[in-house]
Amino acid sequence: MDITLDINLGIKPIKMIEKLKKAKDTGKVNNLMIGTNKIGNYKWLIESMSDKWETVYSKGQLAKAKVSLTFKEYR
């Protein structure tokens, strides 16, 4: 799944990337939610992740990034 993190939409991209990396590195499982919809019957873990910084403001603040996530359903 590819997602866009944009500061103009009320998301702090760097904080969300750190949170996603921590979940991946610790193997934390959670419900996969898209909007208010729960996906699947079980929880999911992040199998792999990559990020690409798209917009960085002059003082180094990350404003927009794309994140690619691969999930595995956890039973």
PDB file of N, CA and C in Angstrom:
ATOM      1  N   MET A   1       0.845  -1.155   0.000  1.00  0.00           N
ATOM      2  CA  MET A   1       0.000   0.000   0.000  1.00  0.00           C
ATOM      3  C   MET A   1       0.900   1.230   0.000  1.00  0.00           C
ATOM      4  N   ASP A   2       0.581   2.185  -0.841  1.00  0.00           N
ATOM      5  CA  ASP A   2       1.306   3.448  -0.873  1.00  0.00           C
ATOM      6  C   ASP A   2       0.424   4.527  -0.262  1.00  0.00           C
ATOM      7  N   ILE A   3       1.004   5.311   0.644  1.00  0.00           N
ATOM      8  CA  ILE A   3       0.261   6.407   1.261  1.00  0.00           C
ATOM      9  C   ILE A   3       1.081   7.694   1.156  1.00  0.00           C
ATOM     10  N   THR A   4       0.384   8.809   1.147  1.00  0.00           N
ATOM     11  CA  THR A   4       1.023  10.120   1.134  1.00  0.00           C
ATOM     12  C   THR A   4       0.787  10.782   2.482  1.00  0.00           C
ATOM     13  N   LEU A   5       1.845  11.233   3.092  1.00  0.00           N
ATOM     14  CA  LEU A   5       1.774  11.965   4.359  1.00  0.00           C
ATOM     15  C   LEU A   5       2.063  13.427   4.045  1.00  0.00           C
ATOM     16  N   ASP A   6       1.124  14.308   4.376  1.00  0.00           N
ATOM     17  CA  ASP A   6       1.228  15.711   3.984  1.00  0.00           C
ATOM     18  C   ASP A   6       0.908  16.605   5.173  1.00  0.00           C
ATOM     19  N   ILE A   7       1.833  17.483   5.497  1.00  0.00           N
ATOM     20  CA  ILE A   7       1.654  18.392   6.625  1.00  0.00           C
ATOM     21  C   ILE A   7       0.426  19.283   6.433  1.00  0.00           C
ATOM     22  N   ASN A   8       0.061  19.547   5.168  1.00  0.00           N
ATOM     23  CA  ASN A   8      -1.103  20.386   4.876  1.00  0.00           C
ATOM     24  C   ASN A   8      -2.427  19.689   5.162  1.00  0.00           C
ATOM     25  N   LEU A   9      -2.366  18.391   5.429  1.00  0.00           N
ATOM     26  CA  LEU A   9      -3.563  17.629   5.786  1.00  0.00           C
ATOM     27  C   LEU A   9      -3.598  17.301   7.273  1.00  0.00           C
ATOM     28  N   GLY A  10      -2.761  17.992   8.046  1.00  0.00           N
ATOM     29  CA  GLY A  10      -2.771  17.824   9.499  1.00  0.00           C
ATOM     30  C   GLY A  10      -1.909  16.679  10.008  1.00  0.00           C
ATOM     31  N   ILE A  11      -1.070  16.129   9.160  1.00  0.00           N
ATOM     32  CA  ILE A  11      -0.181  15.021   9.537  1.00  0.00           C
ATOM     33  C   ILE A  11       1.244  15.547   9.624  1.00  0.00           C
ATOM     34  N   LYS A  12       1.978  15.159  10.642  1.00  0.00           N
ATOM     35  CA  LYS A  12       3.401  15.467  10.720  1.00  0.00           C
ATOM     36  C   LYS A  12       4.130  14.259  10.137  1.00  0.00           C
ATOM     37  N   PRO A  13       4.556  14.359   8.872  1.00  0.00           N
ATOM     38  CA  PRO A  13       5.126  13.185   8.194  1.00  0.00           C
ATOM     39  C   PRO A  13       6.263  12.507   8.947  1.00  0.00           C
ATOM     40  N   ILE A  14       7.203  13.253   9.485  1.00  0.00           N
ATOM     41  CA  ILE A  14       8.351  12.630  10.149  1.00  0.00           C
ATOM     42  C   ILE A  14       7.920  11.831  11.373  1.00  0.00           C
ATOM     43  N   LYS A  15       6.939  12.346  12.120  1.00  0.00           N
ATOM     44  CA  LYS A  15       6.455  11.620  13.302  1.00  0.00           C
ATOM     45  C   LYS A  15       5.717  10.345  12.901  1.00  0.00           C
ATOM     46  N   MET A  16       4.934  10.418  11.827  1.00  0.00           N
ATOM     47  CA  MET A  16       4.213   9.226  11.376  1.00  0.00           C
ATOM     48  C   MET A  16       5.177   8.184  10.827  1.00  0.00           C
ATOM     49  N   ILE A  17       6.207   8.605  10.101  1.00  0.00           N
ATOM     50  CA  ILE A  17       7.213   7.663   9.595  1.00  0.00           C
ATOM     51  C   ILE A  17       7.914   6.981  10.770  1.00  0.00           C
ATOM     52  N   GLU A  18       8.274   7.733  11.797  1.00  0.00           N
ATOM     53  CA  GLU A  18       8.911   7.146  12.976  1.00  0.00           C
ATOM     54  C   GLU A  18       7.985   6.143  13.655  1.00  0.00           C
ATOM     55  N   LYS A  19       6.709   6.465  13.748  1.00  0.00           N
ATOM     56  CA  LYS A  19       5.726   5.580  14.388  1.00  0.00           C
ATOM     57  C   LYS A  19       5.567   4.284  13.575  1.00  0.00           C
ATOM     58  N   LEU A  20       5.501   4.413  12.258  1.00  0.00           N
ATOM     59  CA  LEU A  20       5.376   3.232  11.403  1.00  0.00           C
ATOM     60  C   LEU A  20       6.631   2.368  11.467  1.00  0.00           C
ATOM     61  N   LYS A  21       7.814   2.992  11.460  1.00  0.00           N
ATOM     62  CA  LYS A  21       9.071   2.233  11.561  1.00  0.00           C
ATOM     63  C   LYS A  21       9.154   1.482  12.877  1.00  0.00           C
ATOM     64  N   LYS A  22       8.727   2.125  13.958  1.00  0.00           N
ATOM     65  CA  LYS A  22       8.751   1.467  15.262  1.00  0.00           C
ATOM     66  C   LYS A  22       7.819   0.256  15.262  1.00  0.00           C
ATOM     67  N   ALA A  23       6.624   0.416  14.689  1.00  0.00           N
ATOM     68  CA  ALA A  23       5.681  -0.711  14.622  1.00  0.00           C
ATOM     69  C   ALA A  23       6.280  -1.854  13.803  1.00  0.00           C
ATOM     70  N   LYS A  24       6.947  -1.535  12.706  1.00  0.00           N
ATOM     71  CA  LYS A  24       7.579  -2.568  11.878  1.00  0.00           C
ATOM     72  C   LYS A  24       8.719  -3.253  12.623  1.00  0.00           C
ATOM     73  N   ASP A  25       9.591  -2.442  13.225  1.00  0.00           N
ATOM     74  CA  ASP A  25      10.777  -2.990  13.894  1.00  0.00           C
ATOM     75  C   ASP A  25      10.438  -3.847  15.109  1.00  0.00           C
ATOM     76  N   THR A  26       9.359  -3.510  15.806  1.00  0.00           N
ATOM     77  CA  THR A  26       8.971  -4.275  16.991  1.00  0.00           C
ATOM     78  C   THR A  26       8.025  -5.423  16.671  1.00  0.00           C
ATOM     79  N   GLY A  27       7.527  -5.474  15.426  1.00  0.00           N
ATOM     80  CA  GLY A  27       6.592  -6.529  15.050  1.00  0.00           C
ATOM     81  C   GLY A  27       5.218  -6.336  15.652  1.00  0.00           C
ATOM     82  N   LYS A  28       4.883  -5.111  15.984  1.00  0.00           N
ATOM     83  CA  LYS A  28       3.587  -4.810  16.593  1.00  0.00           C
ATOM     84  C   LYS A  28       2.465  -5.097  15.598  1.00  0.00           C
ATOM     85  N   VAL A  29       1.423  -5.781  16.066  1.00  0.00           N
ATOM     86  CA  VAL A  29       0.263  -6.066  15.228  1.00  0.00           C
ATOM     87  C   VAL A  29      -0.889  -5.156  15.629  1.00  0.00           C
ATOM     88  N   ASN A  30      -1.638  -4.723  14.640  1.00  0.00           N
ATOM     89  CA  ASN A  30      -2.778  -3.833  14.854  1.00  0.00           C
ATOM     90  C   ASN A  30      -3.845  -4.118  13.823  1.00  0.00           C
ATOM     91  N   ASN A  31      -5.029  -3.582  14.072  1.00  0.00           N
ATOM     92  CA  ASN A  31      -6.063  -3.613  13.053  1.00  0.00           C
ATOM     93  C   ASN A  31      -5.626  -2.711  11.910  1.00  0.00           C
ATOM     94  N   LEU A  32      -5.937  -3.103  10.696  1.00  0.00           N
ATOM     95  CA  LEU A  32      -5.675  -2.272   9.534  1.00  0.00           C
ATOM     96  C   LEU A  32      -6.953  -1.500   9.234  1.00  0.00           C
ATOM     97  N   MET A  33      -6.871  -0.197   9.359  1.00  0.00           N
ATOM     98  CA  MET A  33      -8.026   0.664   9.156  1.00  0.00           C
ATOM     99  C   MET A  33      -7.787   1.554   7.950  1.00  0.00           C
ATOM    100  N   ILE A  34      -8.765   1.625   7.072  1.00  0.00           N
ATOM    101  CA  ILE A  34      -8.754   2.583   5.979  1.00  0.00           C
ATOM    102  C   ILE A  34      -9.991   3.442   6.181  1.00  0.00           C
ATOM    103  N   GLY A  35      -9.741   4.698   6.556  1.00  0.00           N
ATOM    104  CA  GLY A  35     -10.850   5.556   6.995  1.00  0.00           C
ATOM    105  C   GLY A  35     -11.405   4.991   8.278  1.00  0.00           C
ATOM    106  N   THR A  36     -12.671   4.656   8.291  1.00  0.00           N
ATOM    107  CA  THR A  36     -13.283   4.045   9.474  1.00  0.00           C
ATOM    108  C   THR A  36     -13.564   2.559   9.256  1.00  0.00           C
ATOM    109  N   ASN A  37     -13.038   2.001   8.163  1.00  0.00           N
ATOM    110  CA  ASN A  37     -13.297   0.601   7.817  1.00  0.00           C
ATOM    111  C   ASN A  37     -12.149  -0.303   8.242  1.00  0.00           C
ATOM    112  N   LYS A  38     -12.493  -1.328   9.016  1.00  0.00           N
ATOM    113  CA  LYS A  38     -11.517  -2.337   9.409  1.00  0.00           C
ATOM    114  C   LYS A  38     -11.364  -3.327   8.265  1.00  0.00           C
ATOM    115  N   ILE A  39     -10.118  -3.621   7.885  1.00  0.00           N
ATOM    116  CA  ILE A  39      -9.834  -4.525   6.785  1.00  0.00           C
ATOM    117  C   ILE A  39      -9.499  -5.908   7.340  1.00  0.00           C
ATOM    118  N   GLY A  40     -10.221  -6.920   6.889  1.00  0.00           N
ATOM    119  CA  GLY A  40      -9.964  -8.296   7.305  1.00  0.00           C
ATOM    120  C   GLY A  40     -10.534  -8.614   8.675  1.00  0.00           C
ATOM    121  N   ASN A  41     -10.388  -9.880   9.044  1.00  0.00           N
ATOM    122  CA  ASN A  41     -10.899 -10.365  10.334  1.00  0.00           C
ATOM    123  C   ASN A  41      -9.833 -10.410  11.415  1.00  0.00           C
ATOM    124  N   TYR A  42      -8.576 -10.306  11.018  1.00  0.00           N
ATOM    125  CA  TYR A  42      -7.478 -10.440  11.952  1.00  0.00           C
ATOM    126  C   TYR A  42      -6.659  -9.152  11.988  1.00  0.00           C
ATOM    127  N   LYS A  43      -5.649  -9.148  12.823  1.00  0.00           N
ATOM    128  CA  LYS A  43      -4.747  -7.998  12.880  1.00  0.00           C
ATOM    129  C   LYS A  43      -3.652  -8.171  11.829  1.00  0.00           C
ATOM    130  N   TRP A  44      -2.898  -7.105  11.595  1.00  0.00           N
ATOM    131  CA  TRP A  44      -1.871  -7.081  10.564  1.00  0.00           C
ATOM    132  C   TRP A  44      -0.554  -6.604  11.149  1.00  0.00           C
ATOM    133  N   LEU A  45       0.538  -7.020  10.530  1.00  0.00           N
ATOM    134  CA  LEU A  45       1.837  -6.475  10.892  1.00  0.00           C
ATOM    135  C   LEU A  45       2.491  -5.915   9.640  1.00  0.00           C
ATOM    136  N   ILE A  46       3.356  -4.930   9.841  1.00  0.00           N
ATOM    137  CA  ILE A  46       4.066  -4.327   8.721  1.00  0.00           C
ATOM    138  C   ILE A  46       5.282  -5.192   8.424  1.00  0.00           C
ATOM    139  N   GLU A  47       5.285  -5.786   7.242  1.00  0.00           N
ATOM    140  CA  GLU A  47       6.375  -6.668   6.839  1.00  0.00           C
ATOM    141  C   GLU A  47       7.565  -5.874   6.299  1.00  0.00           C
ATOM    142  N   SER A  48       7.277  -4.861   5.496  1.00  0.00           N
ATOM    143  CA  SER A  48       8.346  -4.013   4.972  1.00  0.00           C
ATOM    144  C   SER A  48       7.818  -2.603   4.760  1.00  0.00           C
ATOM    145  N   MET A  49       8.778  -1.669   4.672  1.00  0.00           N
ATOM    146  CA  MET A  49       8.417  -0.263   4.573  1.00  0.00           C
ATOM    147  C   MET A  49       9.544   0.506   3.906  1.00  0.00           C
ATOM    148  N   SER A  50       9.166   1.472   3.078  1.00  0.00           N
ATOM    149  CA  SER A  50      10.143   2.411   2.528  1.00  0.00           C
ATOM    150  C   SER A  50       9.475   3.779   2.453  1.00  0.00           C
ATOM    151  N   ASP A  51      10.296   4.826   2.512  1.00  0.00           N
ATOM    152  CA  ASP A  51       9.740   6.173   2.432  1.00  0.00           C
ATOM    153  C   ASP A  51      10.562   7.029   1.478  1.00  0.00           C
ATOM    154  N   LYS A  52       9.876   7.949   0.842  1.00  0.00           N
ATOM    155  CA  LYS A  52      10.510   8.873  -0.092  1.00  0.00           C
ATOM    156  C   LYS A  52      10.056  10.283   0.276  1.00  0.00           C
ATOM    157  N   TRP A  53      11.020  11.113   0.644  1.00  0.00           N
ATOM    158  CA  TRP A  53      10.718  12.493   1.015  1.00  0.00           C
ATOM    159  C   TRP A  53      10.483  13.306  -0.256  1.00  0.00           C
ATOM    160  N   GLU A  54       9.363  14.007  -0.307  1.00  0.00           N
ATOM    161  CA  GLU A  54       9.041  14.766  -1.504  1.00  0.00           C
ATOM    162  C   GLU A  54       9.195  16.277  -1.321  1.00  0.00           C
ATOM    163  N   THR A  55       8.765  16.790  -0.165  1.00  0.00           N
ATOM    164  CA  THR A  55       8.855  18.234   0.087  1.00  0.00           C
ATOM    165  C   THR A  55       9.478  18.463   1.446  1.00  0.00           C
ATOM    166  N   VAL A  56      10.569  19.231   1.451  1.00  0.00           N
ATOM    167  CA  VAL A  56      11.249  19.599   2.693  1.00  0.00           C
ATOM    168  C   VAL A  56      11.365  21.114   2.703  1.00  0.00           C
ATOM    169  N   TYR A  57      10.881  21.728   3.777  1.00  0.00           N
ATOM    170  CA  TYR A  57      10.953  23.183   3.879  1.00  0.00           C
ATOM    171  C   TYR A  57      12.387  23.628   4.174  1.00  0.00           C
ATOM    172  N   SER A  58      12.639  24.925   4.022  1.00  0.00           N
ATOM    173  CA  SER A  58      14.000  25.469   4.094  1.00  0.00           C
ATOM    174  C   SER A  58      14.737  25.171   5.398  1.00  0.00           C
ATOM    175  N   LYS A  59      14.025  25.001   6.489  1.00  0.00           N
ATOM    176  CA  LYS A  59      14.689  24.719   7.766  1.00  0.00           C
ATOM    177  C   LYS A  59      14.732  23.218   8.071  1.00  0.00           C
ATOM    178  N   GLY A  60      14.506  22.417   7.036  1.00  0.00           N
ATOM    179  CA  GLY A  60      14.636  20.973   7.204  1.00  0.00           C
ATOM    180  C   GLY A  60      13.374  20.263   7.642  1.00  0.00           C
ATOM    181  N   GLN A  61      12.257  20.956   7.714  1.00  0.00           N
ATOM    182  CA  GLN A  61      11.010  20.316   8.137  1.00  0.00           C
ATOM    183  C   GLN A  61      10.421  19.519   6.975  1.00  0.00           C
ATOM    184  N   LEU A  62      10.186  18.233   7.209  1.00  0.00           N
ATOM    185  CA  LEU A  62       9.579  17.381   6.207  1.00  0.00           C
ATOM    186  C   LEU A  62       8.102  17.747   6.086  1.00  0.00           C
ATOM    187  N   ALA A  63       7.673  18.140   4.880  1.00  0.00           N
ATOM    188  CA  ALA A  63       6.296  18.566   4.673  1.00  0.00           C
ATOM    189  C   ALA A  63       5.459  17.525   3.943  1.00  0.00           C
ATOM    190  N   LYS A  64       6.097  16.716   3.100  1.00  0.00           N
ATOM    191  CA  LYS A  64       5.352  15.716   2.342  1.00  0.00           C
ATOM    192  C   LYS A  64       6.255  14.521   2.038  1.00  0.00           C
ATOM    193  N   ALA A  65       5.703  13.338   2.239  1.00  0.00           N
ATOM    194  CA  ALA A  65       6.445  12.113   1.960  1.00  0.00           C
ATOM    195  C   ALA A  65       5.492  11.040   1.469  1.00  0.00           C
ATOM    196  N   LYS A  66       6.028  10.124   0.671  1.00  0.00           N
ATOM    197  CA  LYS A  66       5.278   8.933   0.258  1.00  0.00           C
ATOM    198  C   LYS A  66       5.870   7.749   0.995  1.00  0.00           C
ATOM    199  N   VAL A  67       4.996   6.896   1.501  1.00  0.00           N
ATOM    200  CA  VAL A  67       5.419   5.714   2.242  1.00  0.00           C
ATOM    201  C   VAL A  67       4.811   4.485   1.583  1.00  0.00           C
ATOM    202  N   SER A  68       5.631   3.476   1.331  1.00  0.00           N
ATOM    203  CA  SER A  68       5.161   2.205   0.796  1.00  0.00           C
ATOM    204  C   SER A  68       5.223   1.167   1.905  1.00  0.00           C
ATOM    205  N   LEU A  69       4.101   0.510   2.130  1.00  0.00           N
ATOM    206  CA  LEU A  69       3.991  -0.476   3.205  1.00  0.00           C
ATOM    207  C   LEU A  69       3.550  -1.818   2.629  1.00  0.00           C
ATOM    208  N   THR A  70       4.133  -2.879   3.150  1.00  0.00           N
ATOM    209  CA  THR A  70       3.683  -4.234   2.840  1.00  0.00           C
ATOM    210  C   THR A  70       3.216  -4.854   4.145  1.00  0.00           C
ATOM    211  N   PHE A  71       1.995  -5.371   4.139  1.00  0.00           N
ATOM    212  CA  PHE A  71       1.413  -5.942   5.341  1.00  0.00           C
ATOM    213  C   PHE A  71       1.291  -7.451   5.231  1.00  0.00           C
ATOM    214  N   LYS A  72       1.229  -8.093   6.384  1.00  0.00           N
ATOM    215  CA  LYS A  72       0.953  -9.527   6.459  1.00  0.00           C
ATOM    216  C   LYS A  72      -0.117  -9.715   7.525  1.00  0.00           C
ATOM    217  N   GLU A  73      -1.137 -10.467   7.164  1.00  0.00           N
ATOM    218  CA  GLU A  73      -2.199 -10.731   8.133  1.00  0.00           C
ATOM    219  C   GLU A  73      -1.677 -11.665   9.214  1.00  0.00           C
ATOM    220  N   TYR A  74      -1.929 -11.315  10.464  1.00  0.00           N
ATOM    221  CA  TYR A  74      -1.408 -12.029  11.615  1.00  0.00           C
ATOM    222  C   TYR A  74      -2.520 -12.842  12.253  1.00  0.00           C
ATOM    223  N   ARG A  75      -2.339 -14.135  12.331  1.00  0.00           N
ATOM    224  CA  ARG A  75      -3.370 -15.005  12.925  1.00  0.00           C
ATOM    225  C   ARG A  75      -2.878 -15.658  14.173  1.00  0.00           C
TER     226      ARG A  75
END
